[in-house]
Amino acid sequence: MGNIDRGIRVIVAIVIAALYFTGTLTGTLGIILLVLAGVFVLTSFVSFCPLYTLIGASTCPVEKTEG
């Protein structure tokens, strides 16, 4: 997972948490989005997204090899 992807996930999680705790997001939708925000933070800290492996995606920059 690339740094930009990790940063975006953390920012989205902060926004969702702020909306939930200020009462803008409520009910079932609010709880679902709060759990999603937790998943975003967790995957950002471990730099691994299981969904990316399932679909074969990667946001990690490709290292150039010499030769």
PDB file of N, CA and C in Angstrom:
ATOM      1  N   MET A   1       0.852  -1.163   0.000  1.00  0.00           N
ATOM      2  CA  MET A   1       0.000   0.000   0.000  1.00  0.00           C
ATOM      3  C   MET A   1       0.902   1.231   0.000  1.00  0.00           C
ATOM      4  N   GLY A   2       0.638   2.158  -0.889  1.00  0.00           N
ATOM      5  CA  GLY A   2       1.438   3.367  -1.003  1.00  0.00           C
ATOM      6  C   GLY A   2       1.095   4.392   0.062  1.00  0.00           C
ATOM      7  N   ASN A   3       1.993   5.368   0.221  1.00  0.00           N
ATOM      8  CA  ASN A   3       1.806   6.403   1.236  1.00  0.00           C
ATOM      9  C   ASN A   3       0.587   7.281   0.975  1.00  0.00           C
ATOM     10  N   ILE A   4       0.322   7.575  -0.286  1.00  0.00           N
ATOM     11  CA  ILE A   4      -0.850   8.405  -0.611  1.00  0.00           C
ATOM     12  C   ILE A   4      -2.131   7.670  -0.240  1.00  0.00           C
ATOM     13  N   ASP A   5      -2.187   6.388  -0.565  1.00  0.00           N
ATOM     14  CA  ASP A   5      -3.351   5.562  -0.219  1.00  0.00           C
ATOM     15  C   ASP A   5      -3.550   5.531   1.289  1.00  0.00           C
ATOM     16  N   ARG A   6      -2.469   5.334   2.029  1.00  0.00           N
ATOM     17  CA  ARG A   6      -2.556   5.296   3.490  1.00  0.00           C
ATOM     18  C   ARG A   6      -3.060   6.638   4.036  1.00  0.00           C
ATOM     19  N   GLY A   7      -2.543   7.731   3.500  1.00  0.00           N
ATOM     20  CA  GLY A   7      -2.961   9.058   3.956  1.00  0.00           C
ATOM     21  C   GLY A   7      -4.428   9.331   3.690  1.00  0.00           C
ATOM     22  N   ILE A   8      -4.887   8.959   2.513  1.00  0.00           N
ATOM     23  CA  ILE A   8      -6.293   9.163   2.162  1.00  0.00           C
ATOM     24  C   ILE A   8      -7.197   8.363   3.084  1.00  0.00           C
ATOM     25  N   ARG A   9      -6.812   7.124   3.394  1.00  0.00           N
ATOM     26  CA  ARG A   9      -7.609   6.287   4.288  1.00  0.00           C
ATOM     27  C   ARG A   9      -7.717   6.899   5.681  1.00  0.00           C
ATOM     28  N   VAL A  10      -6.609   7.424   6.194  1.00  0.00           N
ATOM     29  CA  VAL A  10      -6.630   8.040   7.527  1.00  0.00           C
ATOM     30  C   VAL A  10      -7.496   9.293   7.524  1.00  0.00           C
ATOM     31  N   ILE A  11      -7.374  10.105   6.490  1.00  0.00           N
ATOM     32  CA  ILE A  11      -8.178  11.336   6.415  1.00  0.00           C
ATOM     33  C   ILE A  11      -9.668  11.006   6.333  1.00  0.00           C
ATOM     34  N   VAL A  12     -10.026  10.023   5.503  1.00  0.00           N
ATOM     35  CA  VAL A  12     -11.430   9.624   5.381  1.00  0.00           C
ATOM     36  C   VAL A  12     -11.939   9.094   6.726  1.00  0.00           C
ATOM     37  N   ALA A  13     -11.114   8.321   7.418  1.00  0.00           N
ATOM     38  CA  ALA A  13     -11.512   7.781   8.718  1.00  0.00           C
ATOM     39  C   ALA A  13     -11.732   8.901   9.734  1.00  0.00           C
ATOM     40  N   ILE A  14     -10.871   9.912   9.724  1.00  0.00           N
ATOM     41  CA  ILE A  14     -11.029  11.047  10.640  1.00  0.00           C
ATOM     42  C   ILE A  14     -12.320  11.802  10.350  1.00  0.00           C
ATOM     43  N   VAL A  15     -12.607  12.016   9.069  1.00  0.00           N
ATOM     44  CA  VAL A  15     -13.835  12.726   8.693  1.00  0.00           C
ATOM     45  C   VAL A  15     -15.069  11.933   9.130  1.00  0.00           C
ATOM     46  N   ILE A  16     -15.071  10.636   8.879  1.00  0.00           N
ATOM     47  CA  ILE A  16     -16.212   9.800   9.276  1.00  0.00           C
ATOM     48  C   ILE A  16     -16.391   9.824  10.792  1.00  0.00           C
ATOM     49  N   ALA A  17     -15.282   9.681  11.531  1.00  0.00           N
ATOM     50  CA  ALA A  17     -15.366   9.702  12.995  1.00  0.00           C
ATOM     51  C   ALA A  17     -15.893  11.048  13.492  1.00  0.00           C
ATOM     52  N   ALA A  18     -15.418  12.133  12.901  1.00  0.00           N
ATOM     53  CA  ALA A  18     -15.888  13.462  13.311  1.00  0.00           C
ATOM     54  C   ALA A  18     -17.383  13.625  13.044  1.00  0.00           C
ATOM     55  N   LEU A  19     -17.836  13.160  11.880  1.00  0.00           N
ATOM     56  CA  LEU A  19     -19.263  13.258  11.557  1.00  0.00           C
ATOM     57  C   LEU A  19     -20.106  12.402  12.496  1.00  0.00           C
ATOM     58  N   TYR A  20     -19.578  11.238  12.867  1.00  0.00           N
ATOM     59  CA  TYR A  20     -20.326  10.362  13.772  1.00  0.00           C
ATOM     60  C   TYR A  20     -20.414  10.966  15.175  1.00  0.00           C
ATOM     61  N   PHE A  21     -19.289  11.423  15.696  1.00  0.00           N
ATOM     62  CA  PHE A  21     -19.275  11.909  17.071  1.00  0.00           C
ATOM     63  C   PHE A  21     -19.889  13.298  17.242  1.00  0.00           C
ATOM     64  N   THR A  22     -20.109  14.029  16.139  1.00  0.00           N
ATOM     65  CA  THR A  22     -20.834  15.298  16.226  1.00  0.00           C
ATOM     66  C   THR A  22     -22.326  15.108  16.001  1.00  0.00           C
ATOM     67  N   GLY A  23     -22.733  13.870  15.694  1.00  0.00           N
ATOM     68  CA  GLY A  23     -24.154  13.592  15.531  1.00  0.00           C
ATOM     69  C   GLY A  23     -24.674  13.774  14.123  1.00  0.00           C
ATOM     70  N   THR A  24     -23.800  14.061  13.164  1.00  0.00           N
ATOM     71  CA  THR A  24     -24.229  14.221  11.778  1.00  0.00           C
ATOM     72  C   THR A  24     -24.592  12.867  11.168  1.00  0.00           C
ATOM     73  N   LEU A  25     -23.771  11.863  11.443  1.00  0.00           N
ATOM     74  CA  LEU A  25     -24.077  10.491  11.024  1.00  0.00           C
ATOM     75  C   LEU A  25     -24.653   9.754  12.220  1.00  0.00           C
ATOM     76  N   THR A  26     -25.828   9.193  12.057  1.00  0.00           N
ATOM     77  CA  THR A  26     -26.462   8.497  13.169  1.00  0.00           C
ATOM     78  C   THR A  26     -27.053   7.178  12.692  1.00  0.00           C
ATOM     79  N   GLY A  27     -27.508   6.410  13.616  1.00  0.00           N
ATOM     80  CA  GLY A  27     -28.205   5.167  13.307  1.00  0.00           C
ATOM     81  C   GLY A  27     -27.294   4.098  12.738  1.00  0.00           C
ATOM     82  N   THR A  28     -27.900   3.191  12.018  1.00  0.00           N
ATOM     83  CA  THR A  28     -27.193   2.055  11.452  1.00  0.00           C
ATOM     84  C   THR A  28     -26.120   2.495  10.460  1.00  0.00           C
ATOM     85  N   LEU A  29     -26.434   3.460   9.618  1.00  0.00           N
ATOM     86  CA  LEU A  29     -25.461   3.962   8.653  1.00  0.00           C
ATOM     87  C   LEU A  29     -24.240   4.528   9.365  1.00  0.00           C
ATOM     88  N   GLY A  30     -24.463   5.275  10.422  1.00  0.00           N
ATOM     89  CA  GLY A  30     -23.359   5.839  11.187  1.00  0.00           C
ATOM     90  C   GLY A  30     -22.458   4.779  11.778  1.00  0.00           C
ATOM     91  N   ILE A  31     -23.053   3.727  12.310  1.00  0.00           N
ATOM     92  CA  ILE A  31     -22.264   2.640  12.904  1.00  0.00           C
ATOM     93  C   ILE A  31     -21.482   1.887  11.830  1.00  0.00           C
ATOM     94  N   ILE A  32     -22.115   1.618  10.702  1.00  0.00           N
ATOM     95  CA  ILE A  32     -21.428   0.926   9.608  1.00  0.00           C
ATOM     96  C   ILE A  32     -20.242   1.745   9.116  1.00  0.00           C
ATOM     97  N   LEU A  33     -20.443   3.042   8.929  1.00  0.00           N
ATOM     98  CA  LEU A  33     -19.348   3.899   8.464  1.00  0.00           C
ATOM     99  C   LEU A  33     -18.252   4.029   9.509  1.00  0.00           C
ATOM    100  N   LEU A  34     -18.610   4.019  10.782  1.00  0.00           N
ATOM    101  CA  LEU A  34     -17.605   4.078  11.846  1.00  0.00           C
ATOM    102  C   LEU A  34     -16.757   2.805  11.852  1.00  0.00           C
ATOM    103  N   VAL A  35     -17.380   1.665  11.638  1.00  0.00           N
ATOM    104  CA  VAL A  35     -16.620   0.415  11.537  1.00  0.00           C
ATOM    105  C   VAL A  35     -15.706   0.451  10.310  1.00  0.00           C
ATOM    106  N   LEU A  36     -16.214   0.959   9.196  1.00  0.00           N
ATOM    107  CA  LEU A  36     -15.403   1.097   7.989  1.00  0.00           C
ATOM    108  C   LEU A  36     -14.208   2.018   8.248  1.00  0.00           C
ATOM    109  N   ALA A  37     -14.423   3.091   8.988  1.00  0.00           N
ATOM    110  CA  ALA A  37     -13.329   3.993   9.333  1.00  0.00           C
ATOM    111  C   ALA A  37     -12.272   3.266  10.155  1.00  0.00           C
ATOM    112  N   GLY A  38     -12.714   2.408  11.063  1.00  0.00           N
ATOM    113  CA  GLY A  38     -11.772   1.621  11.859  1.00  0.00           C
ATOM    114  C   GLY A  38     -10.953   0.686  10.985  1.00  0.00           C
ATOM    115  N   VAL A  39     -11.594   0.074  10.007  1.00  0.00           N
ATOM    116  CA  VAL A  39     -10.888  -0.801   9.072  1.00  0.00           C
ATOM    117  C   VAL A  39      -9.875   0.005   8.265  1.00  0.00           C
ATOM    118  N   PHE A  40     -10.257   1.204   7.834  1.00  0.00           N
ATOM    119  CA  PHE A  40      -9.331   2.075   7.097  1.00  0.00           C
ATOM    120  C   PHE A  40      -8.092   2.385   7.927  1.00  0.00           C
ATOM    121  N   VAL A  41      -8.283   2.727   9.190  1.00  0.00           N
ATOM    122  CA  VAL A  41      -7.151   3.060  10.052  1.00  0.00           C
ATOM    123  C   VAL A  41      -6.274   1.825  10.260  1.00  0.00           C
ATOM    124  N   LEU A  42      -6.897   0.692  10.531  1.00  0.00           N
ATOM    125  CA  LEU A  42      -6.137  -0.532  10.760  1.00  0.00           C
ATOM    126  C   LEU A  42      -5.311  -0.915   9.537  1.00  0.00           C
ATOM    127  N   THR A  43      -5.923  -0.899   8.361  1.00  0.00           N
ATOM    128  CA  THR A  43      -5.185  -1.263   7.153  1.00  0.00           C
ATOM    129  C   THR A  43      -4.103  -0.245   6.821  1.00  0.00           C
ATOM    130  N   SER A  44      -4.298   1.005   7.209  1.00  0.00           N
ATOM    131  CA  SER A  44      -3.262   2.014   6.997  1.00  0.00           C
ATOM    132  C   SER A  44      -2.055   1.759   7.883  1.00  0.00           C
ATOM    133  N   PHE A  45      -2.293   1.384   9.132  1.00  0.00           N
ATOM    134  CA  PHE A  45      -1.180   1.155  10.055  1.00  0.00           C
ATOM    135  C   PHE A  45      -0.376  -0.099   9.705  1.00  0.00           C
ATOM    136  N   VAL A  46      -1.035  -1.131   9.195  1.00  0.00           N
ATOM    137  CA  VAL A  46      -0.316  -2.350   8.855  1.00  0.00           C
ATOM    138  C   VAL A  46       0.139  -2.355   7.391  1.00  0.00           C
ATOM    139  N   SER A  47      -0.221  -1.340   6.634  1.00  0.00           N
ATOM    140  CA  SER A  47       0.161  -1.190   5.220  1.00  0.00           C
ATOM    141  C   SER A  47      -0.229  -2.404   4.377  1.00  0.00           C
ATOM    142  N   PHE A  48      -1.375  -2.957   4.663  1.00  0.00           N
ATOM    143  CA  PHE A  48      -1.844  -4.119   3.919  1.00  0.00           C
ATOM    144  C   PHE A  48      -3.358  -4.073   3.813  1.00  0.00           C
ATOM    145  N   CYS A  49      -3.855  -4.271   2.601  1.00  0.00           N
ATOM    146  CA  CYS A  49      -5.298  -4.308   2.380  1.00  0.00           C
ATOM    147  C   CYS A  49      -5.653  -5.651   1.751  1.00  0.00           C
ATOM    148  N   PRO A  50      -6.386  -6.504   2.487  1.00  0.00           N
ATOM    149  CA  PRO A  50      -6.746  -7.819   1.945  1.00  0.00           C
ATOM    150  C   PRO A  50      -7.546  -7.735   0.641  1.00  0.00           C
ATOM    151  N   LEU A  51      -8.336  -6.701   0.488  1.00  0.00           N
ATOM    152  CA  LEU A  51      -9.126  -6.556  -0.732  1.00  0.00           C
ATOM    153  C   LEU A  51      -8.221  -6.374  -1.952  1.00  0.00           C
ATOM    154  N   TYR A  52      -7.108  -5.674  -1.790  1.00  0.00           N
ATOM    155  CA  TYR A  52      -6.176  -5.476  -2.899  1.00  0.00           C
ATOM    156  C   TYR A  52      -5.601  -6.802  -3.387  1.00  0.00           C
ATOM    157  N   THR A  53      -5.338  -7.728  -2.467  1.00  0.00           N
ATOM    158  CA  THR A  53      -4.803  -9.027  -2.895  1.00  0.00           C
ATOM    159  C   THR A  53      -5.858  -9.831  -3.648  1.00  0.00           C
ATOM    160  N   LEU A  54      -7.111  -9.674  -3.276  1.00  0.00           N
ATOM    161  CA  LEU A  54      -8.183 -10.400  -3.966  1.00  0.00           C
ATOM    162  C   LEU A  54      -8.367  -9.917  -5.403  1.00  0.00           C
ATOM    163  N   ILE A  55      -8.237  -8.602  -5.608  1.00  0.00           N
ATOM    164  CA  ILE A  55      -8.449  -8.056  -6.953  1.00  0.00           C
ATOM    165  C   ILE A  55      -7.148  -7.834  -7.707  1.00  0.00           C
ATOM    166  N   GLY A  56      -6.013  -8.088  -7.049  1.00  0.00           N
ATOM    167  CA  GLY A  56      -4.719  -7.957  -7.719  1.00  0.00           C
ATOM    168  C   GLY A  56      -4.248  -6.534  -7.903  1.00  0.00           C
ATOM    169  N   ALA A  57      -4.698  -5.624  -7.058  1.00  0.00           N
ATOM    170  CA  ALA A  57      -4.309  -4.216  -7.170  1.00  0.00           C
ATOM    171  C   ALA A  57      -3.162  -3.907  -6.225  1.00  0.00           C
ATOM    172  N   SER A  58      -2.428  -2.849  -6.544  1.00  0.00           N
ATOM    173  CA  SER A  58      -1.354  -2.388  -5.676  1.00  0.00           C
ATOM    174  C   SER A  58      -1.184  -0.895  -5.853  1.00  0.00           C
ATOM    175  N   THR A  59      -1.033  -0.173  -4.758  1.00  0.00           N
ATOM    176  CA  THR A  59      -0.771   1.265  -4.836  1.00  0.00           C
ATOM    177  C   THR A  59       0.656   1.578  -4.402  1.00  0.00           C
ATOM    178  N   CYS A  60       1.444   0.532  -4.223  1.00  0.00           N
ATOM    179  CA  CYS A  60       2.853   0.694  -3.856  1.00  0.00           C
ATOM    180  C   CYS A  60       3.632   1.098  -5.105  1.00  0.00           C
ATOM    181  N   PRO A  61       4.540   2.064  -4.956  1.00  0.00           N
ATOM    182  CA  PRO A  61       5.340   2.441  -6.122  1.00  0.00           C
ATOM    183  C   PRO A  61       6.259   1.288  -6.528  1.00  0.00           C
ATOM    184  N   VAL A  62       6.459   1.149  -7.829  1.00  0.00           N
ATOM    185  CA  VAL A  62       7.315   0.087  -8.362  1.00  0.00           C
ATOM    186  C   VAL A  62       8.767   0.536  -8.273  1.00  0.00           C
ATOM    187  N   GLU A  63       9.604  -0.325  -7.692  1.00  0.00           N
ATOM    188  CA  GLU A  63      11.021  -0.009  -7.591  1.00  0.00           C
ATOM    189  C   GLU A  63      11.695  -0.324  -8.920  1.00  0.00           C
ATOM    190  N   LYS A  64      12.559   0.598  -9.342  1.00  0.00           N
ATOM    191  CA  LYS A  64      13.299   0.388 -10.599  1.00  0.00           C
ATOM    192  C   LYS A  64      14.517  -0.472 -10.300  1.00  0.00           C
ATOM    193  N   THR A  65      14.765  -1.404 -11.191  1.00  0.00           N
ATOM    194  CA  THR A  65      15.942  -2.240 -11.043  1.00  0.00           C
ATOM    195  C   THR A  65      17.023  -1.765 -12.009  1.00  0.00           C
ATOM    196  N   GLU A  66      18.246  -1.856 -11.569  1.00  0.00           N
ATOM    197  CA  GLU A  66      19.347  -1.442 -12.430  1.00  0.00           C
ATOM    198  C   GLU A  66      19.713  -2.579 -13.372  1.00  0.00           C
ATOM    199  N   GLY A  67      20.084  -2.215 -14.564  1.00  0.00           N
ATOM    200  CA  GLY A  67      20.558  -3.260 -15.459  1.00  0.00           C
ATOM    201  C   GLY A  67      20.097  -3.089 -16.811  1.00  0.00           C
TER     202      GLY A  67
END
